[in-house]
Amino acid sequence: MKITIRFDHIDIAENASYREIYRVMSDAVRENWPGMTSVSSEHQRLAQQQAAASAARQLSRTIAARRVR
């Protein structure tokens, strides 16, 4: 399953912890997740968790890089 979700705007503090970033990304993924009746809810939940973790890691790296500048 491959899904692309684009976020136009995410409010997060520059000093946010990974836990805070993951929570925000998890909420955003859940809110923007497309309805898929052909995929079990368990598979969708797992995919949402993986998407949130991946997005949180990417955002954490971006925030860390900005701190260094």
PDB file of N, CA and C in Angstrom:
ATOM      1  N   MET A   1       0.847  -1.160   0.000  1.00  0.00           N
ATOM      2  CA  MET A   1       0.000   0.000   0.000  1.00  0.00           C
ATOM      3  C   MET A   1       0.899   1.232   0.000  1.00  0.00           C
ATOM      4  N   LYS A   2       0.674   2.138  -0.931  1.00  0.00           N
ATOM      5  CA  LYS A   2       1.433   3.378  -0.977  1.00  0.00           C
ATOM      6  C   LYS A   2       0.446   4.534  -1.028  1.00  0.00           C
ATOM      7  N   ILE A   3       0.594   5.429  -0.068  1.00  0.00           N
ATOM      8  CA  ILE A   3      -0.290   6.590   0.033  1.00  0.00           C
ATOM      9  C   ILE A   3       0.583   7.817   0.208  1.00  0.00           C
ATOM     10  N   THR A   4       0.242   8.884  -0.474  1.00  0.00           N
ATOM     11  CA  THR A   4       0.952  10.148  -0.300  1.00  0.00           C
ATOM     12  C   THR A   4      -0.003  11.131   0.357  1.00  0.00           C
ATOM     13  N   ILE A   5       0.431  11.670   1.478  1.00  0.00           N
ATOM     14  CA  ILE A   5      -0.351  12.687   2.183  1.00  0.00           C
ATOM     15  C   ILE A   5       0.517  13.929   2.259  1.00  0.00           C
ATOM     16  N   ARG A   6      -0.002  15.039   1.803  1.00  0.00           N
ATOM     17  CA  ARG A   6       0.746  16.297   1.849  1.00  0.00           C
ATOM     18  C   ARG A   6       0.116  17.211   2.898  1.00  0.00           C
ATOM     19  N   PHE A   7       0.995  17.818   3.672  1.00  0.00           N
ATOM     20  CA  PHE A   7       0.547  18.755   4.697  1.00  0.00           C
ATOM     21  C   PHE A   7       0.978  20.151   4.276  1.00  0.00           C
ATOM     22  N   ASP A   8       0.040  21.071   4.247  1.00  0.00           N
ATOM     23  CA  ASP A   8       0.375  22.453   3.905  1.00  0.00           C
ATOM     24  C   ASP A   8       0.954  23.191   5.095  1.00  0.00           C
ATOM     25  N   HIS A   9       0.495  22.834   6.280  1.00  0.00           N
ATOM     26  CA  HIS A   9       0.917  23.585   7.462  1.00  0.00           C
ATOM     27  C   HIS A   9       0.820  22.701   8.704  1.00  0.00           C
ATOM     28  N   ILE A  10       1.909  22.663   9.464  1.00  0.00           N
ATOM     29  CA  ILE A  10       1.943  21.941  10.738  1.00  0.00           C
ATOM     30  C   ILE A  10       2.488  22.911  11.776  1.00  0.00           C
ATOM     31  N   ASP A  11       1.766  23.115  12.859  1.00  0.00           N
ATOM     32  CA  ASP A  11       2.244  23.976  13.947  1.00  0.00           C
ATOM     33  C   ASP A  11       3.012  23.135  14.948  1.00  0.00           C
ATOM     34  N   ILE A  12       4.306  23.431  15.079  1.00  0.00           N
ATOM     35  CA  ILE A  12       5.148  22.707  16.034  1.00  0.00           C
ATOM     36  C   ILE A  12       6.261  23.647  16.482  1.00  0.00           C
ATOM     37  N   ALA A  13       6.577  23.603  17.745  1.00  0.00           N
ATOM     38  CA  ALA A  13       7.646  24.457  18.284  1.00  0.00           C
ATOM     39  C   ALA A  13       9.006  23.968  17.787  1.00  0.00           C
ATOM     40  N   GLU A  14       9.937  24.897  17.612  1.00  0.00           N
ATOM     41  CA  GLU A  14      11.277  24.516  17.149  1.00  0.00           C
ATOM     42  C   GLU A  14      12.013  23.646  18.158  1.00  0.00           C
ATOM     43  N   ASN A  15      11.641  23.749  19.425  1.00  0.00           N
ATOM     44  CA  ASN A  15      12.308  22.948  20.460  1.00  0.00           C
ATOM     45  C   ASN A  15      11.462  21.739  20.875  1.00  0.00           C
ATOM     46  N   ALA A  16      10.543  21.337  20.011  1.00  0.00           N
ATOM     47  CA  ALA A  16       9.657  20.211  20.318  1.00  0.00           C
ATOM     48  C   ALA A  16      10.448  18.908  20.416  1.00  0.00           C
ATOM     49  N   SER A  17      10.028  18.072  21.341  1.00  0.00           N
ATOM     50  CA  SER A  17      10.651  16.752  21.483  1.00  0.00           C
ATOM     51  C   SER A  17      10.108  15.825  20.390  1.00  0.00           C
ATOM     52  N   TYR A  18      10.795  14.690  20.202  1.00  0.00           N
ATOM     53  CA  TYR A  18      10.326  13.722  19.214  1.00  0.00           C
ATOM     54  C   TYR A  18       8.906  13.269  19.557  1.00  0.00           C
ATOM     55  N   ARG A  19       8.642  13.088  20.833  1.00  0.00           N
ATOM     56  CA  ARG A  19       7.310  12.644  21.269  1.00  0.00           C
ATOM     57  C   ARG A  19       6.228  13.640  20.843  1.00  0.00           C
ATOM     58  N   GLU A  20       6.506  14.940  21.015  1.00  0.00           N
ATOM     59  CA  GLU A  20       5.542  15.973  20.605  1.00  0.00           C
ATOM     60  C   GLU A  20       5.375  15.988  19.087  1.00  0.00           C
ATOM     61  N   ILE A  21       6.490  15.854  18.384  1.00  0.00           N
ATOM     62  CA  ILE A  21       6.430  15.837  16.921  1.00  0.00           C
ATOM     63  C   ILE A  21       5.632  14.628  16.443  1.00  0.00           C
ATOM     64  N   TYR A  22       5.885  13.460  17.039  1.00  0.00           N
ATOM     65  CA  TYR A  22       5.151  12.251  16.648  1.00  0.00           C
ATOM     66  C   TYR A  22       3.651  12.430  16.897  1.00  0.00           C
ATOM     67  N   ARG A  23       3.284  13.000  18.033  1.00  0.00           N
ATOM     68  CA  ARG A  23       1.864  13.200  18.349  1.00  0.00           C
ATOM     69  C   ARG A  23       1.192  14.089  17.306  1.00  0.00           C
ATOM     70  N   VAL A  24       1.846  15.191  16.949  1.00  0.00           N
ATOM     71  CA  VAL A  24       1.287  16.105  15.954  1.00  0.00           C
ATOM     72  C   VAL A  24       1.169  15.414  14.597  1.00  0.00           C
ATOM     73  N   MET A  25       2.213  14.698  14.204  1.00  0.00           N
ATOM     74  CA  MET A  25       2.184  14.019  12.912  1.00  0.00           C
ATOM     75  C   MET A  25       1.152  12.887  12.902  1.00  0.00           C
ATOM     76  N   SER A  26       1.032  12.176  13.998  1.00  0.00           N
ATOM     77  CA  SER A  26       0.044  11.105  14.093  1.00  0.00           C
ATOM     78  C   SER A  26      -1.372  11.661  13.940  1.00  0.00           C
ATOM     79  N   ASP A  27      -1.647  12.764  14.620  1.00  0.00           N
ATOM     80  CA  ASP A  27      -2.965  13.406  14.496  1.00  0.00           C
ATOM     81  C   ASP A  27      -3.216  13.856  13.057  1.00  0.00           C
ATOM     82  N   ALA A  28      -2.204  14.466  12.437  1.00  0.00           N
ATOM     83  CA  ALA A  28      -2.354  14.957  11.065  1.00  0.00           C
ATOM     84  C   ALA A  28      -2.571  13.804  10.084  1.00  0.00           C
ATOM     85  N   VAL A  29      -1.844  12.720  10.268  1.00  0.00           N
ATOM     86  CA  VAL A  29      -2.013  11.557   9.390  1.00  0.00           C
ATOM     87  C   VAL A  29      -3.424  10.994   9.545  1.00  0.00           C
ATOM     88  N   ARG A  30      -3.868  10.815  10.777  1.00  0.00           N
ATOM     89  CA  ARG A  30      -5.212  10.271  11.015  1.00  0.00           C
ATOM     90  C   ARG A  30      -6.295  11.154  10.395  1.00  0.00           C
ATOM     91  N   GLU A  31      -6.152  12.471  10.544  1.00  0.00           N
ATOM     92  CA  GLU A  31      -7.162  13.397  10.021  1.00  0.00           C
ATOM     93  C   GLU A  31      -7.207  13.402   8.494  1.00  0.00           C
ATOM     94  N   ASN A  32      -6.083  13.140   7.850  1.00  0.00           N
ATOM     95  CA  ASN A  32      -6.000  13.225   6.393  1.00  0.00           C
ATOM     96  C   ASN A  32      -5.963  11.865   5.704  1.00  0.00           C
ATOM     97  N   TRP A  33      -6.135  10.798   6.465  1.00  0.00           N
ATOM     98  CA  TRP A  33      -6.067   9.447   5.914  1.00  0.00           C
ATOM     99  C   TRP A  33      -7.278   9.190   5.026  1.00  0.00           C
ATOM    100  N   PRO A  34      -7.054   8.705   3.802  1.00  0.00           N
ATOM    101  CA  PRO A  34      -8.195   8.422   2.922  1.00  0.00           C
ATOM    102  C   PRO A  34      -8.962   7.187   3.397  1.00  0.00           C
ATOM    103  N   GLY A  35     -10.251   7.188   3.209  1.00  0.00           N
ATOM    104  CA  GLY A  35     -11.064   6.029   3.566  1.00  0.00           C
ATOM    105  C   GLY A  35     -10.839   4.914   2.555  1.00  0.00           C
ATOM    106  N   MET A  36     -10.484   3.732   3.038  1.00  0.00           N
ATOM    107  CA  MET A  36     -10.226   2.603   2.141  1.00  0.00           C
ATOM    108  C   MET A  36     -11.002   1.394   2.655  1.00  0.00           C
ATOM    109  N   THR A  37     -12.121   1.127   2.045  1.00  0.00           N
ATOM    110  CA  THR A  37     -12.952   0.010   2.498  1.00  0.00           C
ATOM    111  C   THR A  37     -12.361  -1.344   2.123  1.00  0.00           C
ATOM    112  N   SER A  38     -11.462  -1.376   1.134  1.00  0.00           N
ATOM    113  CA  SER A  38     -10.890  -2.653   0.694  1.00  0.00           C
ATOM    114  C   SER A  38      -9.713  -3.112   1.560  1.00  0.00           C
ATOM    115  N   VAL A  39      -9.280  -2.277   2.515  1.00  0.00           N
ATOM    116  CA  VAL A  39      -8.148  -2.608   3.386  1.00  0.00           C
ATOM    117  C   VAL A  39      -8.658  -2.696   4.818  1.00  0.00           C
ATOM    118  N   SER A  40      -8.247  -3.732   5.526  1.00  0.00           N
ATOM    119  CA  SER A  40      -8.728  -3.920   6.900  1.00  0.00           C
ATOM    120  C   SER A  40      -8.322  -2.740   7.777  1.00  0.00           C
ATOM    121  N   SER A  41      -9.111  -2.498   8.797  1.00  0.00           N
ATOM    122  CA  SER A  41      -8.819  -1.381   9.700  1.00  0.00           C
ATOM    123  C   SER A  41      -7.494  -1.595  10.428  1.00  0.00           C
ATOM    124  N   GLU A  42      -7.145  -2.846  10.709  1.00  0.00           N
ATOM    125  CA  GLU A  42      -5.864  -3.130  11.369  1.00  0.00           C
ATOM    126  C   GLU A  42      -4.687  -2.764  10.462  1.00  0.00           C
ATOM    127  N   HIS A  43      -4.781  -3.118   9.179  1.00  0.00           N
ATOM    128  CA  HIS A  43      -3.722  -2.752   8.231  1.00  0.00           C
ATOM    129  C   HIS A  43      -3.633  -1.230   8.087  1.00  0.00           C
ATOM    130  N   GLN A  44      -4.778  -0.580   8.053  1.00  0.00           N
ATOM    131  CA  GLN A  44      -4.777   0.877   7.944  1.00  0.00           C
ATOM    132  C   GLN A  44      -4.157   1.518   9.180  1.00  0.00           C
ATOM    133  N   ARG A  45      -4.470   1.004  10.340  1.00  0.00           N
ATOM    134  CA  ARG A  45      -3.917   1.539  11.594  1.00  0.00           C
ATOM    135  C   ARG A  45      -2.395   1.381  11.620  1.00  0.00           C
ATOM    136  N   LEU A  46      -1.907   0.217  11.197  1.00  0.00           N
ATOM    137  CA  LEU A  46      -0.468  -0.024  11.137  1.00  0.00           C
ATOM    138  C   LEU A  46       0.194   0.921  10.125  1.00  0.00           C
ATOM    139  N   ALA A  47      -0.425   1.076   8.970  1.00  0.00           N
ATOM    140  CA  ALA A  47       0.116   1.977   7.948  1.00  0.00           C
ATOM    141  C   ALA A  47       0.132   3.421   8.449  1.00  0.00           C
ATOM    142  N   GLN A  48      -0.897   3.819   9.183  1.00  0.00           N
ATOM    143  CA  GLN A  48      -0.937   5.169   9.761  1.00  0.00           C
ATOM    144  C   GLN A  48       0.204   5.365  10.751  1.00  0.00           C
ATOM    145  N   GLN A  49       0.446   4.375  11.588  1.00  0.00           N
ATOM    146  CA  GLN A  49       1.534   4.467  12.568  1.00  0.00           C
ATOM    147  C   GLN A  49       2.884   4.567  11.867  1.00  0.00           C
ATOM    148  N   GLN A  50       3.072   3.772  10.830  1.00  0.00           N
ATOM    149  CA  GLN A  50       4.330   3.818  10.082  1.00  0.00           C
ATOM    150  C   GLN A  50       4.501   5.163   9.383  1.00  0.00           C
ATOM    151  N   ALA A  51       3.423   5.682   8.822  1.00  0.00           N
ATOM    152  CA  ALA A  51       3.485   6.982   8.148  1.00  0.00           C
ATOM    153  C   ALA A  51       3.798   8.094   9.146  1.00  0.00           C
ATOM    154  N   ALA A  52       3.168   8.052  10.310  1.00  0.00           N
ATOM    155  CA  ALA A  52       3.410   9.073  11.333  1.00  0.00           C
ATOM    156  C   ALA A  52       4.851   9.012  11.826  1.00  0.00           C
ATOM    157  N   ALA A  53       5.374   7.814  12.031  1.00  0.00           N
ATOM    158  CA  ALA A  53       6.759   7.664  12.498  1.00  0.00           C
ATOM    159  C   ALA A  53       7.745   8.171  11.449  1.00  0.00           C
ATOM    160  N   SER A  54       7.506   7.838  10.197  1.00  0.00           N
ATOM    161  CA  SER A  54       8.384   8.293   9.120  1.00  0.00           C
ATOM    162  C   SER A  54       8.349   9.817   9.000  1.00  0.00           C
ATOM    163  N   ALA A  55       7.157  10.383   9.028  1.00  0.00           N
ATOM    164  CA  ALA A  55       7.021  11.842   8.933  1.00  0.00           C
ATOM    165  C   ALA A  55       7.649  12.530  10.142  1.00  0.00           C
ATOM    166  N   ALA A  56       7.494  11.944  11.318  1.00  0.00           N
ATOM    167  CA  ALA A  56       8.077  12.529  12.534  1.00  0.00           C
ATOM    168  C   ALA A  56       9.602  12.510  12.463  1.00  0.00           C
ATOM    169  N   ARG A  57      10.176  11.423  11.957  1.00  0.00           N
ATOM    170  CA  ARG A  57      11.644  11.359  11.808  1.00  0.00           C
ATOM    171  C   ARG A  57      12.135  12.425  10.836  1.00  0.00           C
ATOM    172  N   GLN A  58      11.440  12.572   9.722  1.00  0.00           N
ATOM    173  CA  GLN A  58      11.840  13.572   8.729  1.00  0.00           C
ATOM    174  C   GLN A  58      11.726  14.983   9.296  1.00  0.00           C
ATOM    175  N   LEU A  59      10.630  15.260   9.981  1.00  0.00           N
ATOM    176  CA  LEU A  59      10.440  16.588  10.559  1.00  0.00           C
ATOM    177  C   LEU A  59      11.452  16.849  11.667  1.00  0.00           C
ATOM    178  N   SER A  60      11.771  15.842  12.455  1.00  0.00           N
ATOM    179  CA  SER A  60      12.783  15.989  13.512  1.00  0.00           C
ATOM    180  C   SER A  60      14.135  16.358  12.909  1.00  0.00           C
ATOM    181  N   ARG A  61      14.496  15.703  11.810  1.00  0.00           N
ATOM    182  CA  ARG A  61      15.765  16.018  11.135  1.00  0.00           C
ATOM    183  C   ARG A  61      15.759  17.447  10.604  1.00  0.00           C
ATOM    184  N   THR A  62      14.638  17.862  10.030  1.00  0.00           N
ATOM    185  CA  THR A  62      14.535  19.220   9.497  1.00  0.00           C
ATOM    186  C   THR A  62      14.675  20.248  10.609  1.00  0.00           C
ATOM    187  N   ILE A  63      13.995  20.020  11.718  1.00  0.00           N
ATOM    188  CA  ILE A  63      14.070  20.943  12.854  1.00  0.00           C
ATOM    189  C   ILE A  63      15.485  20.979  13.413  1.00  0.00           C
ATOM    190  N   ALA A  64      16.123  19.825  13.539  1.00  0.00           N
ATOM    191  CA  ALA A  64      17.498  19.765  14.057  1.00  0.00           C
ATOM    192  C   ALA A  64      18.462  20.512  13.138  1.00  0.00           C
ATOM    193  N   ALA A  65      18.280  20.377  11.840  1.00  0.00           N
ATOM    194  CA  ALA A  65      19.154  21.067  10.884  1.00  0.00           C
ATOM    195  C   ALA A  65      18.982  22.574  10.990  1.00  0.00           C
ATOM    196  N   ARG A  66      17.773  23.033  11.222  1.00  0.00           N
ATOM    197  CA  ARG A  66      17.536  24.479  11.370  1.00  0.00           C
ATOM    198  C   ARG A  66      18.153  25.012  12.650  1.00  0.00           C
ATOM    199  N   ARG A  67      18.186  24.196  13.694  1.00  0.00           N
ATOM    200  CA  ARG A  67      18.794  24.623  14.960  1.00  0.00           C
ATOM    201  C   ARG A  67      20.289  24.860  14.790  1.00  0.00           C
ATOM    202  N   VAL A  68      20.925  24.043  13.946  1.00  0.00           N
ATOM    203  CA  VAL A  68      22.371  24.129  13.744  1.00  0.00           C
ATOM    204  C   VAL A  68      22.741  25.418  13.017  1.00  0.00           C
ATOM    205  N   ARG A  69      21.892  25.870  12.136  1.00  0.00           N
ATOM    206  CA  ARG A  69      22.182  27.073  11.337  1.00  0.00           C
ATOM    207  C   ARG A  69      22.243  28.252  12.199  1.00  0.00           C
TER     208      ARG A  69
END
